[in-house]
C-alpha atoms as a PDB file:
ATOM      1  CA  MET A   1       5.703  18.590   0.685  1.00  0.00           C
ATOM      2  CA  GLU A   2       4.989  21.419   3.089  1.00  0.00           C
ATOM      3  CA  LEU A   3       8.059  23.593   3.538  1.00  0.00           C
ATOM      4  CA  GLU A   4       7.381  24.158   7.243  1.00  0.00           C
ATOM      5  CA  HIS A   5       7.902  20.411   7.821  1.00  0.00           C
ATOM      6  CA  MET A   6      11.253  20.329   6.008  1.00  0.00           C
ATOM      7  CA  THR A   7      14.730  21.118   7.329  1.00  0.00           C
ATOM      8  CA  MET A   8      18.088  21.434   5.608  1.00  0.00           C
ATOM      9  CA  THR A   9      21.750  22.185   6.166  1.00  0.00           C
ATOM     10  CA  ASP A  10      24.576  23.065   3.797  1.00  0.00           C
ATOM     11  CA  GLY A  11      26.843  20.621   5.630  1.00  0.00           C
ATOM     12  CA  TYR A  12      29.196  23.208   7.116  1.00  0.00           C
ATOM     13  CA  VAL A  13      30.384  22.078  10.537  1.00  0.00           C
ATOM     14  CA  GLY A  14      31.102  25.157  12.642  1.00  0.00           C
ATOM     15  CA  SER A  15      31.991  25.517  16.286  1.00  0.00           C
ATOM     16  CA  PHE A  16      28.354  24.803  17.226  1.00  0.00           C
ATOM     17  CA  GLY A  17      27.955  21.901  14.794  1.00  0.00           C
ATOM     18  CA  LYS A  18      25.740  21.962  11.721  1.00  0.00           C
ATOM     19  CA  THR A  19      23.175  24.724  11.338  1.00  0.00           C
ATOM     20  CA  TRP A  20      19.692  23.595  10.273  1.00  0.00           C
ATOM     21  CA  LYS A  21      17.027  25.840   8.750  1.00  0.00           C
ATOM     22  CA  THR A  22      13.598  25.632   7.165  1.00  0.00           C
ATOM     23  CA  PRO A  23      14.065  25.894   3.384  1.00  0.00           C
ATOM     24  CA  THR A  24      12.359  28.365   1.084  1.00  0.00           C
ATOM     25  CA  LEU A  25      10.847  27.151  -2.177  1.00  0.00           C
ATOM     26  CA  ALA A  26      14.030  28.212  -4.019  1.00  0.00           C
ATOM     27  CA  ASP A  27      16.190  26.369  -1.455  1.00  0.00           C
ATOM     28  CA  LEU A  28      14.081  23.228  -1.853  1.00  0.00           C
ATOM     29  CA  GLU A  29      14.359  23.309  -5.635  1.00  0.00           C
ATOM     30  CA  LYS A  30      18.137  23.814  -5.434  1.00  0.00           C
ATOM     31  CA  ALA A  31      18.398  20.920  -2.962  1.00  0.00           C
ATOM     32  CA  ILE A  32      16.324  18.605  -5.172  1.00  0.00           C
ATOM     33  CA  GLN A  33      18.519  19.427  -8.194  1.00  0.00           C
ATOM     34  CA  GLY A  34      21.679  18.803  -6.148  1.00  0.00           C
ATOM     35  CA  ALA A  35      20.307  15.551  -4.725  1.00  0.00           C
ATOM     36  CA  MET A  36      19.517  14.332  -8.245  1.00  0.00           C
ATOM     37  CA  LYS A  37      23.201  14.785  -9.174  1.00  0.00           C
ATOM     38  CA  ILE A  38      24.678  13.295  -5.983  1.00  0.00           C
ATOM     39  CA  GLU A  39      22.241  10.389  -5.588  1.00  0.00           C
ATOM     40  CA  GLY A  40      21.880   9.682  -9.333  1.00  0.00           C
ATOM     41  CA  LYS A  41      18.081   9.516  -9.085  1.00  0.00           C
ATOM     42  CA  THR A  42      15.183  11.205 -10.845  1.00  0.00           C
ATOM     43  CA  ARG A  43      13.248  14.139  -9.430  1.00  0.00           C
ATOM     44  CA  GLU A  44      10.275  11.885  -8.630  1.00  0.00           C
ATOM     45  CA  GLN A  45      12.504   9.418  -6.765  1.00  0.00           C
ATOM     46  CA  ILE A  46      14.069  12.211  -4.663  1.00  0.00           C
ATOM     47  CA  ILE A  47      10.644  13.620  -3.792  1.00  0.00           C
ATOM     48  CA  ALA A  48       9.393  10.134  -2.881  1.00  0.00           C
ATOM     49  CA  ILE A  49      12.399   9.647  -0.571  1.00  0.00           C
ATOM     50  CA  LEU A  50      11.764  12.994   1.123  1.00  0.00           C
ATOM     51  CA  GLU A  51       8.035  12.331   1.508  1.00  0.00           C
ATOM     52  CA  SER A  52       8.748   8.934   3.048  1.00  0.00           C
ATOM     53  CA  GLY A  53      10.613  10.704   5.867  1.00  0.00           C
ATOM     54  CA  LYS A  54      14.170   9.875   4.820  1.00  0.00           C
ATOM     55  CA  ALA A  55      16.892  12.466   4.229  1.00  0.00           C
ATOM     56  CA  VAL A  56      19.076  12.899   1.140  1.00  0.00           C
ATOM     57  CA  LYS A  57      22.475  14.484   0.518  1.00  0.00           C
ATOM     58  CA  TRP A  58      22.232  17.492  -1.767  1.00  0.00           C
ATOM     59  CA  CYS A  59      25.628  19.246  -1.719  1.00  0.00           C
ATOM     60  CA  GLN A  60      29.162  19.011  -0.464  1.00  0.00           C
ATOM     61  CA  SER A  61      30.024  21.132   2.567  1.00  0.00           C
ATOM     62  CA  PRO A  62      31.897  24.395   1.910  1.00  0.00           C
ATOM     63  CA  ASN A  63      34.706  22.726   3.966  1.00  0.00           C
ATOM     64  CA  PHE A  64      34.398  19.365   2.186  1.00  0.00           C
ATOM     65  CA  TYR A  65      38.166  19.070   1.688  1.00  0.00           C
ATOM     66  CA  TYR A  66      38.616  19.085   5.495  1.00  0.00           C
ATOM     67  CA  ASP A  67      35.434  17.628   6.989  1.00  0.00           C
ATOM     68  CA  HIS A  68      34.079  15.427   4.153  1.00  0.00           C
ATOM     69  CA  SER A  69      30.564  16.449   5.174  1.00  0.00           C
ATOM     70  CA  TYR A  70      27.472  16.783   2.984  1.00  0.00           C
ATOM     71  CA  GLY A  71      24.499  19.112   3.051  1.00  0.00           C
ATOM     72  CA  VAL A  72      21.325  17.191   3.893  1.00  0.00           C
ATOM     73  CA  ILE A  73      17.616  17.859   3.397  1.00  0.00           C
ATOM     74  CA  GLY A  74      14.819  15.934   5.064  1.00  0.00           C
ATOM     75  CA  ARG A  75      11.679  16.135   7.192  1.00  0.00           C
ATOM     76  CA  LYS A  76      11.730  17.598  10.690  1.00  0.00           C
ATOM     77  CA  ARG A  77      11.458  14.999  13.429  1.00  0.00           C
ATOM     78  CA  ASP A  78       8.302  16.567  14.835  1.00  0.00           C
ATOM     79  CA  ALA A  79       6.595  16.771  11.428  1.00  0.00           C
ATOM     80  CA  PRO A  80       3.373  14.787  11.064  1.00  0.00           C
ATOM     81  CA  SER A  81       3.773  11.556   9.133  1.00  0.00           C
ATOM     82  CA  VAL A  82       2.581  11.412   5.550  1.00  0.00           C
ATOM     83  CA  THR A  83      -0.150   8.886   4.803  1.00  0.00           C
ATOM     84  CA  VAL A  84       0.461   7.211   1.459  1.00  0.00           C
ATOM     85  CA  VAL A  85      -2.470   5.676  -0.434  1.00  0.00           C
ATOM     86  CA  HIS A  86      -2.459   3.271  -3.382  1.00  0.00           C
ATOM     87  CA  CYS A  87      -4.561   4.622  -6.268  1.00  0.00           C
ATOM     88  CA  ASP A  88      -6.502   2.595  -8.830  1.00  0.00           C
ATOM     89  CA  CYS A  89      -4.070   3.837 -11.511  1.00  0.00           C
ATOM     90  CA  GLY A  90      -1.347   1.780  -9.795  1.00  0.00           C
ATOM     91  CA  HIS A  91       0.675   4.608  -8.269  1.00  0.00           C
ATOM     92  CA  SER A  92       1.175   5.391  -4.587  1.00  0.00           C
ATOM     93  CA  VAL A  93       0.818   9.049  -3.575  1.00  0.00           C
ATOM     94  CA  PRO A  94       0.290  11.086  -0.395  1.00  0.00           C
ATOM     95  CA  ALA A  95      -3.378  10.980   0.618  1.00  0.00           C
ATOM     96  CA  GLY A  96      -3.896  14.681  -0.164  1.00  0.00           C
ATOM     97  CA  GLN A  97      -2.806  14.186  -3.781  1.00  0.00           C
ATOM     98  CA  SER A  98      -5.171  11.321  -4.623  1.00  0.00           C
ATOM     99  CA  MET A  99      -7.961  12.405  -6.985  1.00  0.00           C
ATOM    100  CA  MET A 100     -11.318  10.808  -7.787  1.00  0.00           C
ATOM    101  CA  ALA A 101     -11.607  10.108 -11.522  1.00  0.00           C
ATOM    102  CA  SER A 102     -14.567   8.526 -13.301  1.00  0.00           C
ATOM    103  CA  THR A 103     -12.874   5.098 -13.265  1.00  0.00           C
ATOM    104  CA  GLY A 104     -11.535   5.259  -9.689  1.00  0.00           C
ATOM    105  CA  THR A 105      -8.834   7.039  -7.754  1.00  0.00           C
ATOM    106  CA  SER A 106      -5.790   8.378  -9.566  1.00  0.00           C
ATOM    107  CA  CYS A 107      -2.618  10.369  -9.072  1.00  0.00           C
ATOM    108  CA  LEU A 108      -2.168  13.806 -10.647  1.00  0.00           C
ATOM    109  CA  ASP A 109      -0.291  12.361 -13.638  1.00  0.00           C
ATOM    110  CA  CYS A 110      -2.964   9.778 -14.521  1.00  0.00           C
ATOM    111  CA  TYR A 111      -6.077  11.887 -13.858  1.00  0.00           C
ATOM    112  CA  ASP A 112      -6.673  12.952 -17.489  1.00  0.00           C
ATOM    113  CA  ARG A 113      -6.259   9.401 -18.753  1.00  0.00           C
ATOM    114  CA  MET A 114      -8.689   7.971 -16.179  1.00  0.00           C
ATOM    115  CA  SER A 115     -11.408  10.645 -16.493  1.00  0.00           C
END
């Protein structure tokens, strides 16, 4: 995930609506941890959702008692789409993360086993 293609909000609804920003690496990590708690999914599942172009809730708004809003992280609308390839190890990964092993293509996790 390239940070420049991501956008996030803390869910606060001010007089101009929600404020969106490009996350830093620390912001992204905090959002992934929060999304794991709210969505009840693993880190890999959250990352897969984000890479597929969908957004996930990661925190309650600072005004949650009043506005019942959530902070959201996702891809920017103008971000290039991610091409997902199916590796010979059986996993699907973004095209840039597919590696050539001696027995075929593999993801990062299966590379040692397939070499």
